[in-house]
Amino acid sequence: MTQSWPGRYYTEHLQSTWRVFNCMVKLGHVPASFGQSYTVPLLKTGSNAHGKSVTVNDFRGISISPVISKIFEHCTVVLCTTIVILLQI
């Protein structure tokens, strides 16, 4: 049974990303852009911007990171945890 277009698309891209991840591990290098994110200010819960001056203390920041860097971060944690566990045996 063949996958529908979106499923096949994601599967092929994930297979390519594993090759990139393996190369990064072998070379010991992560692109600098993986550490970049975009910070978005959000109004804090319970803050009412109506009828008063809004200050910087009324906001909190969230960082938007590329999904692929988050996937690689998770894989790296799993890989490092596995290595530490194996070395302690």
PDB file of N, CA and C in Angstrom:
ATOM      1  N   MET A   1       0.837  -1.174   0.000  1.00  0.00           N
ATOM      2  CA  MET A   1       0.000   0.000   0.000  1.00  0.00           C
ATOM      3  C   MET A   1       0.888   1.245   0.000  1.00  0.00           C
ATOM      4  N   THR A   2       0.643   2.155  -0.892  1.00  0.00           N
ATOM      5  CA  THR A   2       1.442   3.374  -0.949  1.00  0.00           C
ATOM      6  C   THR A   2       0.819   4.446  -0.064  1.00  0.00           C
ATOM      7  N   GLN A   3       1.692   5.309   0.452  1.00  0.00           N
ATOM      8  CA  GLN A   3       1.213   6.389   1.304  1.00  0.00           C
ATOM      9  C   GLN A   3       0.625   7.502   0.458  1.00  0.00           C
ATOM     10  N   SER A   4      -0.267   8.253   1.081  1.00  0.00           N
ATOM     11  CA  SER A   4      -0.796   9.421   0.403  1.00  0.00           C
ATOM     12  C   SER A   4       0.321  10.441   0.250  1.00  0.00           C
ATOM     13  N   TRP A   5       0.094  11.443  -0.553  1.00  0.00           N
ATOM     14  CA  TRP A   5       1.142  12.412  -0.870  1.00  0.00           C
ATOM     15  C   TRP A   5       1.774  13.058   0.363  1.00  0.00           C
ATOM     16  N   PRO A   6       1.004  13.631   1.313  1.00  0.00           N
ATOM     17  CA  PRO A   6       1.669  14.289   2.445  1.00  0.00           C
ATOM     18  C   PRO A   6       2.516  13.328   3.273  1.00  0.00           C
ATOM     19  N   GLY A   7       2.023  12.113   3.518  1.00  0.00           N
ATOM     20  CA  GLY A   7       2.779  11.141   4.304  1.00  0.00           C
ATOM     21  C   GLY A   7       4.075  10.747   3.612  1.00  0.00           C
ATOM     22  N   ARG A   8       4.002  10.532   2.336  1.00  0.00           N
ATOM     23  CA  ARG A   8       5.187  10.166   1.569  1.00  0.00           C
ATOM     24  C   ARG A   8       6.192  11.311   1.568  1.00  0.00           C
ATOM     25  N   TYR A   9       5.693  12.533   1.427  1.00  0.00           N
ATOM     26  CA  TYR A   9       6.529  13.724   1.416  1.00  0.00           C
ATOM     27  C   TYR A   9       7.313  13.829   2.721  1.00  0.00           C
ATOM     28  N   TYR A  10       6.624  13.686   3.860  1.00  0.00           N
ATOM     29  CA  TYR A  10       7.281  13.806   5.157  1.00  0.00           C
ATOM     30  C   TYR A  10       8.258  12.665   5.392  1.00  0.00           C
ATOM     31  N   THR A  11       7.898  11.462   4.977  1.00  0.00           N
ATOM     32  CA  THR A  11       8.773  10.309   5.158  1.00  0.00           C
ATOM     33  C   THR A  11      10.085  10.501   4.403  1.00  0.00           C
ATOM     34  N   GLU A  12      10.008  10.943   3.169  1.00  0.00           N
ATOM     35  CA  GLU A  12      11.216  11.160   2.374  1.00  0.00           C
ATOM     36  C   GLU A  12      12.097  12.244   2.989  1.00  0.00           C
ATOM     37  N   HIS A  13      11.478  13.305   3.481  1.00  0.00           N
ATOM     38  CA  HIS A  13      12.260  14.383   4.083  1.00  0.00           C
ATOM     39  C   HIS A  13      12.890  13.953   5.402  1.00  0.00           C
ATOM     40  N   LEU A  14      12.183  13.155   6.185  1.00  0.00           N
ATOM     41  CA  LEU A  14      12.758  12.678   7.435  1.00  0.00           C
ATOM     42  C   LEU A  14      13.940  11.748   7.178  1.00  0.00           C
ATOM     43  N   GLN A  15      13.846  10.934   6.128  1.00  0.00           N
ATOM     44  CA  GLN A  15      14.976  10.071   5.786  1.00  0.00           C
ATOM     45  C   GLN A  15      16.188  10.911   5.401  1.00  0.00           C
ATOM     46  N   SER A  16      15.978  11.998   4.683  1.00  0.00           N
ATOM     47  CA  SER A  16      17.082  12.887   4.319  1.00  0.00           C
ATOM     48  C   SER A  16      17.651  13.586   5.548  1.00  0.00           C
ATOM     49  N   THR A  17      16.797  13.965   6.480  1.00  0.00           N
ATOM     50  CA  THR A  17      17.297  14.647   7.677  1.00  0.00           C
ATOM     51  C   THR A  17      18.135  13.717   8.530  1.00  0.00           C
ATOM     52  N   TRP A  18      17.841  12.425   8.525  1.00  0.00           N
ATOM     53  CA  TRP A  18      18.672  11.486   9.285  1.00  0.00           C
ATOM     54  C   TRP A  18      20.078  11.439   8.705  1.00  0.00           C
ATOM     55  N   ARG A  19      20.186  11.522   7.390  1.00  0.00           N
ATOM     56  CA  ARG A  19      21.527  11.542   6.777  1.00  0.00           C
ATOM     57  C   ARG A  19      22.291  12.783   7.226  1.00  0.00           C
ATOM     58  N   VAL A  20      21.595  13.916   7.263  1.00  0.00           N
ATOM     59  CA  VAL A  20      22.224  15.164   7.711  1.00  0.00           C
ATOM     60  C   VAL A  20      22.624  15.042   9.181  1.00  0.00           C
ATOM     61  N   PHE A  21      21.741  14.496  10.008  1.00  0.00           N
ATOM     62  CA  PHE A  21      22.043  14.324  11.432  1.00  0.00           C
ATOM     63  C   PHE A  21      23.264  13.430  11.619  1.00  0.00           C
ATOM     64  N   ASN A  22      23.317  12.321  10.908  1.00  0.00           N
ATOM     65  CA  ASN A  22      24.458  11.416  11.021  1.00  0.00           C
ATOM     66  C   ASN A  22      25.760  12.101  10.611  1.00  0.00           C
ATOM     67  N   CYS A  23      25.719  12.912   9.573  1.00  0.00           N
ATOM     68  CA  CYS A  23      26.914  13.664   9.148  1.00  0.00           C
ATOM     69  C   CYS A  23      27.336  14.657  10.228  1.00  0.00           C
ATOM     70  N   MET A  24      26.377  15.325  10.844  1.00  0.00           N
ATOM     71  CA  MET A  24      26.705  16.282  11.899  1.00  0.00           C
ATOM     72  C   MET A  24      27.360  15.572  13.080  1.00  0.00           C
ATOM     73  N   VAL A  25      26.857  14.397  13.438  1.00  0.00           N
ATOM     74  CA  VAL A  25      27.438  13.636  14.547  1.00  0.00           C
ATOM     75  C   VAL A  25      28.851  13.188  14.191  1.00  0.00           C
ATOM     76  N   LYS A  26      29.036  12.669  12.994  1.00  0.00           N
ATOM     77  CA  LYS A  26      30.364  12.197  12.576  1.00  0.00           C
ATOM     78  C   LYS A  26      31.375  13.330  12.500  1.00  0.00           C
ATOM     79  N   LEU A  27      30.953  14.488  12.007  1.00  0.00           N
ATOM     80  CA  LEU A  27      31.859  15.628  11.867  1.00  0.00           C
ATOM     81  C   LEU A  27      32.010  16.419  13.159  1.00  0.00           C
ATOM     82  N   GLY A  28      31.073  16.236  14.086  1.00  0.00           N
ATOM     83  CA  GLY A  28      31.103  16.991  15.337  1.00  0.00           C
ATOM     84  C   GLY A  28      30.827  18.465  15.135  1.00  0.00           C
ATOM     85  N   HIS A  29      29.999  18.788  14.159  1.00  0.00           N
ATOM     86  CA  HIS A  29      29.705  20.187  13.841  1.00  0.00           C
ATOM     87  C   HIS A  29      28.198  20.376  13.664  1.00  0.00           C
ATOM     88  N   VAL A  30      27.697  21.439  14.277  1.00  0.00           N
ATOM     89  CA  VAL A  30      26.293  21.818  14.120  1.00  0.00           C
ATOM     90  C   VAL A  30      26.261  23.215  13.506  1.00  0.00           C
ATOM     91  N   PRO A  31      25.475  23.426  12.455  1.00  0.00           N
ATOM     92  CA  PRO A  31      25.402  24.760  11.849  1.00  0.00           C
ATOM     93  C   PRO A  31      24.961  25.816  12.868  1.00  0.00           C
ATOM     94  N   ALA A  32      25.555  26.989  12.786  1.00  0.00           N
ATOM     95  CA  ALA A  32      25.232  28.075  13.718  1.00  0.00           C
ATOM     96  C   ALA A  32      23.758  28.459  13.644  1.00  0.00           C
ATOM     97  N   SER A  33      23.152  28.314  12.490  1.00  0.00           N
ATOM     98  CA  SER A  33      21.742  28.699  12.334  1.00  0.00           C
ATOM     99  C   SER A  33      20.810  27.837  13.181  1.00  0.00           C
ATOM    100  N   PHE A  34      21.275  26.669  13.621  1.00  0.00           N
ATOM    101  CA  PHE A  34      20.444  25.818  14.465  1.00  0.00           C
ATOM    102  C   PHE A  34      20.227  26.436  15.833  1.00  0.00           C
ATOM    103  N   GLY A  35      21.088  27.348  16.243  1.00  0.00           N
ATOM    104  CA  GLY A  35      20.951  28.000  17.532  1.00  0.00           C
ATOM    105  C   GLY A  35      20.164  29.284  17.478  1.00  0.00           C
ATOM    106  N   GLN A  36      19.742  29.680  16.298  1.00  0.00           N
ATOM    107  CA  GLN A  36      19.002  30.927  16.157  1.00  0.00           C
ATOM    108  C   GLN A  36      17.513  30.696  16.367  1.00  0.00           C
ATOM    109  N   SER A  37      16.871  31.705  16.930  1.00  0.00           N
ATOM    110  CA  SER A  37      15.431  31.645  17.104  1.00  0.00           C
ATOM    111  C   SER A  37      14.865  33.047  16.959  1.00  0.00           C
ATOM    112  N   TYR A  38      13.576  33.117  16.877  1.00  0.00           N
ATOM    113  CA  TYR A  38      12.865  34.384  16.736  1.00  0.00           C
ATOM    114  C   TYR A  38      12.038  34.574  17.996  1.00  0.00           C
ATOM    115  N   THR A  39      12.247  35.670  18.709  1.00  0.00           N
ATOM    116  CA  THR A  39      11.523  35.920  19.951  1.00  0.00           C
ATOM    117  C   THR A  39      10.288  36.773  19.684  1.00  0.00           C
ATOM    118  N   VAL A  40       9.156  36.295  20.199  1.00  0.00           N
ATOM    119  CA  VAL A  40       7.881  36.975  20.009  1.00  0.00           C
ATOM    120  C   VAL A  40       7.368  37.434  21.371  1.00  0.00           C
ATOM    121  N   PRO A  41       7.059  38.720  21.529  1.00  0.00           N
ATOM    122  CA  PRO A  41       6.488  39.176  22.799  1.00  0.00           C
ATOM    123  C   PRO A  41       4.989  38.866  22.864  1.00  0.00           C
ATOM    124  N   LEU A  42       4.562  38.269  23.977  1.00  0.00           N
ATOM    125  CA  LEU A  42       3.151  37.965  24.186  1.00  0.00           C
ATOM    126  C   LEU A  42       2.685  38.643  25.465  1.00  0.00           C
ATOM    127  N   LEU A  43       1.483  39.170  25.435  1.00  0.00           N
ATOM    128  CA  LEU A  43       0.901  39.778  26.611  1.00  0.00           C
ATOM    129  C   LEU A  43       0.671  38.693  27.662  1.00  0.00           C
ATOM    130  N   LYS A  44       1.113  38.927  28.876  1.00  0.00           N
ATOM    131  CA  LYS A  44       0.962  37.942  29.948  1.00  0.00           C
ATOM    132  C   LYS A  44      -0.506  37.693  30.249  1.00  0.00           C
ATOM    133  N   THR A  45      -0.789  36.483  30.701  1.00  0.00           N
ATOM    134  CA  THR A  45      -2.139  36.124  31.102  1.00  0.00           C
ATOM    135  C   THR A  45      -2.552  36.989  32.292  1.00  0.00           C
ATOM    136  N   GLY A  46      -3.716  37.518  32.238  1.00  0.00           N
ATOM    137  CA  GLY A  46      -4.210  38.359  33.321  1.00  0.00           C
ATOM    138  C   GLY A  46      -3.859  39.826  33.158  1.00  0.00           C
ATOM    139  N   SER A  47      -3.007  40.160  32.194  1.00  0.00           N
ATOM    140  CA  SER A  47      -2.680  41.567  31.950  1.00  0.00           C
ATOM    141  C   SER A  47      -3.773  42.181  31.088  1.00  0.00           C
ATOM    142  N   ASN A  48      -4.231  43.343  31.477  1.00  0.00           N
ATOM    143  CA  ASN A  48      -5.270  44.028  30.726  1.00  0.00           C
ATOM    144  C   ASN A  48      -4.656  45.266  30.095  1.00  0.00           C
ATOM    145  N   ALA A  49      -4.518  45.269  28.787  1.00  0.00           N
ATOM    146  CA  ALA A  49      -3.889  46.377  28.079  1.00  0.00           C
ATOM    147  C   ALA A  49      -4.864  47.516  27.825  1.00  0.00           C
ATOM    148  N   HIS A  50      -6.135  47.288  28.100  1.00  0.00           N
ATOM    149  CA  HIS A  50      -7.136  48.322  27.854  1.00  0.00           C
ATOM    150  C   HIS A  50      -7.201  49.295  29.035  1.00  0.00           C
ATOM    151  N   GLY A  51      -7.104  50.574  28.747  1.00  0.00           N
ATOM    152  CA  GLY A  51      -7.275  51.588  29.764  1.00  0.00           C
ATOM    153  C   GLY A  51      -6.046  51.901  30.591  1.00  0.00           C
ATOM    154  N   LYS A  52      -4.889  51.334  30.233  1.00  0.00           N
ATOM    155  CA  LYS A  52      -3.669  51.662  30.964  1.00  0.00           C
ATOM    156  C   LYS A  52      -2.482  51.610  30.014  1.00  0.00           C
ATOM    157  N   SER A  53      -1.412  52.189  30.455  1.00  0.00           N
ATOM    158  CA  SER A  53      -0.181  52.138  29.666  1.00  0.00           C
ATOM    159  C   SER A  53       0.422  50.748  29.794  1.00  0.00           C
ATOM    160  N   VAL A  54       0.837  50.205  28.695  1.00  0.00           N
ATOM    161  CA  VAL A  54       1.451  48.877  28.694  1.00  0.00           C
ATOM    162  C   VAL A  54       2.954  49.053  28.846  1.00  0.00           C
ATOM    163  N   THR A  55       3.543  48.305  29.754  1.00  0.00           N
ATOM    164  CA  THR A  55       4.996  48.353  29.962  1.00  0.00           C
ATOM    165  C   THR A  55       5.609  47.031  29.535  1.00  0.00           C
ATOM    166  N   VAL A  56       6.915  46.993  29.518  1.00  0.00           N
ATOM    167  CA  VAL A  56       7.626  45.780  29.145  1.00  0.00           C
ATOM    168  C   VAL A  56       7.335  44.642  30.129  1.00  0.00           C
ATOM    169  N   ASN A  57       7.009  44.973  31.369  1.00  0.00           N
ATOM    170  CA  ASN A  57       6.701  43.948  32.377  1.00  0.00           C
ATOM    171  C   ASN A  57       5.369  43.246  32.120  1.00  0.00           C
ATOM    172  N   ASP A  58       4.559  43.778  31.216  1.00  0.00           N
ATOM    173  CA  ASP A  58       3.281  43.157  30.877  1.00  0.00           C
ATOM    174  C   ASP A  58       3.421  42.068  29.809  1.00  0.00           C
ATOM    175  N   PHE A  59       4.635  41.834  29.350  1.00  0.00           N
ATOM    176  CA  PHE A  59       4.873  40.864  28.282  1.00  0.00           C
ATOM    177  C   PHE A  59       5.822  39.769  28.737  1.00  0.00           C
ATOM    178  N   ARG A  60       5.704  38.638  28.070  1.00  0.00           N
ATOM    179  CA  ARG A  60       6.689  37.565  28.218  1.00  0.00           C
ATOM    180  C   ARG A  60       7.128  37.176  26.820  1.00  0.00           C
ATOM    181  N   GLY A  61       8.320  36.691  26.711  1.00  0.00           N
ATOM    182  CA  GLY A  61       8.830  36.318  25.395  1.00  0.00           C
ATOM    183  C   GLY A  61       8.789  34.824  25.178  1.00  0.00           C
ATOM    184  N   ILE A  62       8.468  34.415  23.975  1.00  0.00           N
ATOM    185  CA  ILE A  62       8.592  33.008  23.588  1.00  0.00           C
ATOM    186  C   ILE A  62       9.535  32.962  22.398  1.00  0.00           C
ATOM    187  N   SER A  63      10.308  31.903  22.321  1.00  0.00           N
ATOM    188  CA  SER A  63      11.253  31.746  21.223  1.00  0.00           C
ATOM    189  C   SER A  63      10.713  30.745  20.222  1.00  0.00           C
ATOM    190  N   ILE A  64      10.726  31.136  18.978  1.00  0.00           N
ATOM    191  CA  ILE A  64      10.307  30.249  17.892  1.00  0.00           C
ATOM    192  C   ILE A  64      11.581  29.719  17.245  1.00  0.00           C
ATOM    193  N   SER A  65      11.773  28.419  17.340  1.00  0.00           N
ATOM    194  CA  SER A  65      12.957  27.781  16.779  1.00  0.00           C
ATOM    195  C   SER A  65      12.550  26.912  15.601  1.00  0.00           C
ATOM    196  N   PRO A  66      13.469  26.687  14.666  1.00  0.00           N
ATOM    197  CA  PRO A  66      13.141  25.785  13.559  1.00  0.00           C
ATOM    198  C   PRO A  66      12.832  24.377  14.081  1.00  0.00           C
ATOM    199  N   VAL A  67      11.815  23.767  13.533  1.00  0.00           N
ATOM    200  CA  VAL A  67      11.399  22.432  13.980  1.00  0.00           C
ATOM    201  C   VAL A  67      12.533  21.439  13.815  1.00  0.00           C
ATOM    202  N   ILE A  68      13.260  21.526  12.730  1.00  0.00           N
ATOM    203  CA  ILE A  68      14.321  20.555  12.475  1.00  0.00           C
ATOM    204  C   ILE A  68      15.401  20.630  13.543  1.00  0.00           C
ATOM    205  N   SER A  69      15.697  21.834  14.040  1.00  0.00           N
ATOM    206  CA  SER A  69      16.714  21.934  15.088  1.00  0.00           C
ATOM    207  C   SER A  69      16.207  21.323  16.389  1.00  0.00           C
ATOM    208  N   LYS A  70      14.914  21.426  16.664  1.00  0.00           N
ATOM    209  CA  LYS A  70      14.347  20.801  17.850  1.00  0.00           C
ATOM    210  C   LYS A  70      14.402  19.277  17.737  1.00  0.00           C
ATOM    211  N   ILE A  71      14.156  18.751  16.556  1.00  0.00           N
ATOM    212  CA  ILE A  71      14.239  17.301  16.345  1.00  0.00           C
ATOM    213  C   ILE A  71      15.675  16.839  16.567  1.00  0.00           C
ATOM    214  N   PHE A  72      16.643  17.552  15.993  1.00  0.00           N
ATOM    215  CA  PHE A  72      18.048  17.188  16.175  1.00  0.00           C
ATOM    216  C   PHE A  72      18.460  17.306  17.639  1.00  0.00           C
ATOM    217  N   GLU A  73      17.952  18.314  18.326  1.00  0.00           N
ATOM    218  CA  GLU A  73      18.266  18.483  19.748  1.00  0.00           C
ATOM    219  C   GLU A  73      17.786  17.270  20.536  1.00  0.00           C
ATOM    220  N   HIS A  74      16.566  16.833  20.268  1.00  0.00           N
ATOM    221  CA  HIS A  74      16.020  15.663  20.960  1.00  0.00           C
ATOM    222  C   HIS A  74      16.844  14.414  20.648  1.00  0.00           C
ATOM    223  N   CYS A  75      17.185  14.215  19.386  1.00  0.00           N
ATOM    224  CA  CYS A  75      17.976  13.047  18.991  1.00  0.00           C
ATOM    225  C   CYS A  75      19.349  13.055  19.654  1.00  0.00           C
ATOM    226  N   THR A  76      19.952  14.242  19.761  1.00  0.00           N
ATOM    227  CA  THR A  76      21.259  14.361  20.401  1.00  0.00           C
ATOM    228  C   THR A  76      21.175  14.003  21.885  1.00  0.00           C
ATOM    229  N   VAL A  77      20.124  14.449  22.558  1.00  0.00           N
ATOM    230  CA  VAL A  77      19.944  14.107  23.972  1.00  0.00           C
ATOM    231  C   VAL A  77      19.793  12.601  24.139  1.00  0.00           C
ATOM    232  N   VAL A  78      18.999  11.986  23.288  1.00  0.00           N
ATOM    233  CA  VAL A  78      18.803  10.532  23.357  1.00  0.00           C
ATOM    234  C   VAL A  78      20.120   9.814  23.094  1.00  0.00           C
ATOM    235  N   LEU A  79      20.869  10.247  22.086  1.00  0.00           N
ATOM    236  CA  LEU A  79      22.145   9.629  21.743  1.00  0.00           C
ATOM    237  C   LEU A  79      23.144   9.759  22.894  1.00  0.00           C
ATOM    238  N   CYS A  80      23.260  10.962  23.443  1.00  0.00           N
ATOM    239  CA  CYS A  80      24.201  11.186  24.547  1.00  0.00           C
ATOM    240  C   CYS A  80      23.800  10.404  25.792  1.00  0.00           C
ATOM    241  N   THR A  81      22.515  10.343  26.082  1.00  0.00           N
ATOM    242  CA  THR A  81      22.037   9.578  27.232  1.00  0.00           C
ATOM    243  C   THR A  81      22.370   8.105  27.065  1.00  0.00           C
ATOM    244  N   THR A  82      22.174   7.587  25.870  1.00  0.00           N
ATOM    245  CA  THR A  82      22.482   6.182  25.585  1.00  0.00           C
ATOM    246  C   THR A  82      23.976   5.913  25.779  1.00  0.00           C
ATOM    247  N   ILE A  83      24.817   6.795  25.295  1.00  0.00           N
ATOM    248  CA  ILE A  83      26.268   6.626  25.429  1.00  0.00           C
ATOM    249  C   ILE A  83      26.676   6.641  26.898  1.00  0.00           C
ATOM    250  N   VAL A  84      26.129   7.593  27.669  1.00  0.00           N
ATOM    251  CA  VAL A  84      26.453   7.671  29.103  1.00  0.00           C
ATOM    252  C   VAL A  84      26.033   6.404  29.818  1.00  0.00           C
ATOM    253  N   ILE A  85      24.846   5.900  29.515  1.00  0.00           N
ATOM    254  CA  ILE A  85      24.355   4.681  30.159  1.00  0.00           C
ATOM    255  C   ILE A  85      25.253   3.497  29.803  1.00  0.00           C
ATOM    256  N   LEU A  86      25.654   3.383  28.544  1.00  0.00           N
ATOM    257  CA  LEU A  86      26.507   2.272  28.125  1.00  0.00           C
ATOM    258  C   LEU A  86      27.891   2.344  28.766  1.00  0.00           C
ATOM    259  N   LEU A  87      28.430   3.545  28.931  1.00  0.00           N
ATOM    260  CA  LEU A  87      29.760   3.685  29.518  1.00  0.00           C
ATOM    261  C   LEU A  87      29.773   3.400  31.014  1.00  0.00           C
ATOM    262  N   GLN A  88      28.630   3.529  31.667  1.00  0.00           N
ATOM    263  CA  GLN A  88      28.575   3.272  33.108  1.00  0.00           C
ATOM    264  C   GLN A  88      28.374   1.792  33.424  1.00  0.00           C
ATOM    265  N   ILE A  89      28.090   0.996  32.402  1.00  0.00           N
ATOM    266  CA  ILE A  89      27.855  -0.447  32.643  1.00  0.00           C
ATOM    267  C   ILE A  89      29.174  -1.168  32.815  1.00  0.00           C
TER     268      ILE A  89
END
